[in-house]
C-alpha atoms as a PDB file:
ATOM      1  CA  MET A   1     -15.935-136.274 -39.612  1.00  0.00           C
ATOM      2  CA  ALA A   2     -14.504-134.070 -42.043  1.00  0.00           C
ATOM      3  CA  LYS A   3     -12.191-135.763 -44.795  1.00  0.00           C
ATOM      4  CA  GLN A   4      -8.381-134.332 -44.289  1.00  0.00           C
ATOM      5  CA  PRO A   5      -6.734-133.512 -47.474  1.00  0.00           C
ATOM      6  CA  SER A   6      -3.911-135.794 -48.371  1.00  0.00           C
ATOM      7  CA  SER A   7      -0.315-134.104 -48.375  1.00  0.00           C
ATOM      8  CA  SER A   8      -0.861-133.845 -52.312  1.00  0.00           C
ATOM      9  CA  GLN A   9      -3.503-131.341 -51.694  1.00  0.00           C
ATOM     10  CA  THR A  10      -2.148-128.967 -49.162  1.00  0.00           C
ATOM     11  CA  THR A  11       0.440-126.390 -49.664  1.00  0.00           C
ATOM     12  CA  SER A  12       3.708-126.228 -47.490  1.00  0.00           C
ATOM     13  CA  ALA A  13       1.721-123.662 -45.207  1.00  0.00           C
ATOM     14  CA  GLY A  14      -1.259-126.183 -44.628  1.00  0.00           C
ATOM     15  CA  MET A  15      -3.722-124.536 -46.980  1.00  0.00           C
ATOM     16  CA  PRO A  16      -5.762-127.088 -49.210  1.00  0.00           C
ATOM     17  CA  SER A  17      -5.012-126.859 -52.785  1.00  0.00           C
ATOM     18  CA  ASP A  18      -6.756-124.576 -55.043  1.00  0.00           C
ATOM     19  CA  PRO A  19      -9.162-127.466 -56.223  1.00  0.00           C
ATOM     20  CA  GLU A  20      -9.942-128.774 -52.683  1.00  0.00           C
ATOM     21  CA  PHE A  21     -10.399-125.004 -51.433  1.00  0.00           C
ATOM     22  CA  ALA A  22     -12.991-124.182 -54.024  1.00  0.00           C
ATOM     23  CA  GLN A  23     -14.601-127.360 -53.260  1.00  0.00           C
ATOM     24  CA  MET A  24     -14.825-126.377 -49.547  1.00  0.00           C
ATOM     25  CA  GLU A  25     -16.572-123.218 -50.324  1.00  0.00           C
ATOM     26  CA  LYS A  26     -18.911-124.731 -52.837  1.00  0.00           C
ATOM     27  CA  GLU A  27     -19.889-127.344 -50.198  1.00  0.00           C
ATOM     28  CA  THR A  28     -20.277-124.382 -47.611  1.00  0.00           C
ATOM     29  CA  PHE A  29     -22.338-122.298 -49.930  1.00  0.00           C
ATOM     30  CA  GLU A  30     -24.835-125.097 -50.665  1.00  0.00           C
ATOM     31  CA  LYS A  31     -25.287-126.175 -47.093  1.00  0.00           C
ATOM     32  CA  VAL A  32     -25.904-122.376 -46.322  1.00  0.00           C
ATOM     33  CA  SER A  33     -28.606-122.249 -49.261  1.00  0.00           C
ATOM     34  CA  VAL A  34     -30.174-125.294 -47.751  1.00  0.00           C
ATOM     35  CA  THR A  35     -30.040-124.148 -44.240  1.00  0.00           C
ATOM     36  CA  LEU A  36     -31.793-120.668 -45.344  1.00  0.00           C
ATOM     37  CA  SER A  37     -34.492-122.169 -46.926  1.00  0.00           C
ATOM     38  CA  ALA A  38     -35.210-124.232 -44.294  1.00  0.00           C
ATOM     39  CA  ILE A  39     -35.210-121.659 -41.764  1.00  0.00           C
ATOM     40  CA  ASP A  40     -37.736-119.741 -44.494  1.00  0.00           C
ATOM     41  CA  ARG A  41     -40.214-122.429 -44.458  1.00  0.00           C
ATOM     42  CA  ALA A  42     -39.830-122.641 -40.726  1.00  0.00           C
ATOM     43  CA  VAL A  43     -40.501-118.958 -40.005  1.00  0.00           C
ATOM     44  CA  SER A  44     -43.209-118.794 -42.738  1.00  0.00           C
ATOM     45  CA  ALA A  45     -45.127-121.919 -41.012  1.00  0.00           C
ATOM     46  CA  TRP A  46     -44.621-120.162 -37.573  1.00  0.00           C
ATOM     47  CA  ASN A  47     -45.825-116.835 -39.267  1.00  0.00           C
ATOM     48  CA  ALA A  48     -49.090-118.568 -40.850  1.00  0.00           C
ATOM     49  CA  SER A  49     -49.931-120.362 -37.372  1.00  0.00           C
ATOM     50  CA  ARG A  50     -52.653-119.310 -35.262  1.00  0.00           C
ATOM     51  CA  ILE A  51     -51.309-120.634 -32.075  1.00  0.00           C
ATOM     52  CA  LYS A  52     -47.850-119.519 -31.210  1.00  0.00           C
ATOM     53  CA  PRO A  53     -46.629-121.140 -28.002  1.00  0.00           C
ATOM     54  CA  GLN A  54     -44.151-118.865 -26.185  1.00  0.00           C
ATOM     55  CA  ASP A  55     -40.922-121.123 -26.146  1.00  0.00           C
ATOM     56  CA  MET A  56     -41.453-121.632 -29.675  1.00  0.00           C
ATOM     57  CA  GLY A  57     -41.304-118.231 -30.128  1.00  0.00           C
ATOM     58  CA  GLU A  58     -37.874-117.713 -28.693  1.00  0.00           C
ATOM     59  CA  ARG A  59     -36.771-120.650 -30.907  1.00  0.00           C
ATOM     60  CA  ILE A  60     -37.987-118.847 -33.835  1.00  0.00           C
ATOM     61  CA  GLU A  61     -36.248-115.677 -32.707  1.00  0.00           C
ATOM     62  CA  ARG A  62     -33.082-117.698 -32.326  1.00  0.00           C
ATOM     63  CA  LEU A  63     -33.751-118.784 -36.318  1.00  0.00           C
ATOM     64  CA  ARG A  64     -34.261-115.350 -37.413  1.00  0.00           C
ATOM     65  CA  ARG A  65     -31.334-114.180 -35.854  1.00  0.00           C
ATOM     66  CA  PHE A  66     -29.321-117.204 -37.485  1.00  0.00           C
ATOM     67  CA  GLN A  67     -30.877-116.520 -40.626  1.00  0.00           C
ATOM     68  CA  SER A  68     -29.877-112.828 -40.809  1.00  0.00           C
ATOM     69  CA  SER A  69     -26.213-113.707 -39.902  1.00  0.00           C
ATOM     70  CA  LEU A  70     -25.890-116.346 -42.535  1.00  0.00           C
ATOM     71  CA  ASN A  71     -27.616-113.774 -45.257  1.00  0.00           C
ATOM     72  CA  SER A  72     -24.951-111.695 -44.439  1.00  0.00           C
ATOM     73  CA  TRP A  73     -22.395-114.171 -44.674  1.00  0.00           C
ATOM     74  CA  ILE A  74     -23.638-114.949 -48.198  1.00  0.00           C
ATOM     75  CA  LYS A  75     -23.548-111.417 -49.094  1.00  0.00           C
ATOM     76  CA  GLU A  76     -19.637-111.445 -47.849  1.00  0.00           C
ATOM     77  CA  PHE A  77     -19.251-114.971 -49.709  1.00  0.00           C
ATOM     78  CA  SER A  78     -19.922-112.950 -52.963  1.00  0.00           C
ATOM     79  CA  ARG A  79     -17.671-110.136 -51.995  1.00  0.00           C
ATOM     80  CA  VAL A  80     -14.864-112.046 -51.590  1.00  0.00           C
ATOM     81  CA  LYS A  81     -15.252-114.591 -54.311  1.00  0.00           C
ATOM     82  CA  SER A  82     -12.035-113.098 -56.135  1.00  0.00           C
ATOM     83  CA  ALA A  83     -10.102-112.252 -53.242  1.00  0.00           C
ATOM     84  CA  SER A  84      -6.810-113.894 -52.146  1.00  0.00           C
ATOM     85  CA  LYS A  85      -7.226-117.219 -50.531  1.00  0.00           C
ATOM     86  CA  GLU A  86      -6.271-116.174 -46.966  1.00  0.00           C
ATOM     87  CA  ARG A  87      -9.294-113.538 -47.285  1.00  0.00           C
ATOM     88  CA  ARG A  88     -11.541-116.564 -48.339  1.00  0.00           C
ATOM     89  CA  LEU A  89     -10.583-118.440 -45.807  1.00  0.00           C
ATOM     90  CA  GLU A  90     -11.179-115.927 -43.008  1.00  0.00           C
ATOM     91  CA  ASN A  91     -14.707-115.913 -44.518  1.00  0.00           C
ATOM     92  CA  LEU A  92     -15.149-119.469 -43.848  1.00  0.00           C
ATOM     93  CA  GLY A  93     -13.971-119.072 -40.447  1.00  0.00           C
ATOM     94  CA  LYS A  94     -16.697-116.457 -40.096  1.00  0.00           C
ATOM     95  CA  PHE A  95     -19.033-119.236 -41.433  1.00  0.00           C
ATOM     96  CA  ILE A  96     -17.604-121.634 -38.586  1.00  0.00           C
ATOM     97  CA  GLU A  97     -18.127-118.518 -35.946  1.00  0.00           C
ATOM     98  CA  ILE A  98     -21.887-117.884 -36.939  1.00  0.00           C
ATOM     99  CA  CYS A  99     -22.742-121.965 -36.491  1.00  0.00           C
ATOM    100  CA  TYR A 100     -20.993-121.952 -33.115  1.00  0.00           C
ATOM    101  CA  SER A 101     -22.704-118.908 -31.751  1.00  0.00           C
ATOM    102  CA  TYR A 102     -25.768-120.310 -33.020  1.00  0.00           C
ATOM    103  CA  GLU A 103     -25.279-123.794 -31.451  1.00  0.00           C
ATOM    104  CA  TYR A 104     -24.158-122.281 -27.966  1.00  0.00           C
ATOM    105  CA  SER A 105     -26.439-119.502 -27.822  1.00  0.00           C
END
C-alpha cells in the first residue's frame, strides 16, 4: 500500500510538498524505465524464437501497445519536467491511466 504523506508534507490543497512530489516523479520514472527494459527483453526473446504459440502472440502484441504508451509517456515526462505542479500531476495521472488500460485490456 502506498505511503500517505503526513499533513506537514502536503499543501493546503492536498498536494504533496515539492520534495515529496519530486520523489513520486522520480520513483515513477524509475518504474517505467525498469518496465520498458523488461518489455524489451521479452519482445526480443519472442522475436528470436522459432516457435511462437498464437496465444503468446496476442500477449506480445498487448505488451507492444503498453510499451508504445509508456514510451510516449516518457517523452511527455521529459517535456513537462519544468512545468507547473498541476501539469506534472496531470502527467502522473496519465501514467495511471496507461497502467489501468493495460491491466484491463
